[in-house]
């Protein structure tokens, strides 16, 4: 059974950084990838970034591409989201997600993902 576990959230001031982790298990992720989404109170779930399981290919949402960096530890089943120059608008619960069917790359619609972690809260204070 696929399990995704996020960690690394917390409280940070505007302009600060956080590094989130997503540990994946129980599935065959070869030729697939892991995506990050976020959801702020009262808003829809928003695509943030994604990376292939081999760590070679990544894709970012427009609002974060110049500030966030997604990476994959090739020795572990762990994907990271390094978030820099954080803004109050980045406050949200951050989730990692997996789609183990074809067509995962570039898929930004949350409803197309099959597996989700429970999320980790990121709060950016002014």
Foldseek 3Di string as FASTA:
>chain_A
DKAKAKDWADEAAAQAKTKMKIAIDDDDQAVWKKWKWWDDPPDDIWTAKMAGQCFPDMDGDPVQPVFWDWGYDNVGRMIMIIGGRDDQVPWTWMKMFTQPDPDRPPDTDPVNTDDIHPTDTHGYHD
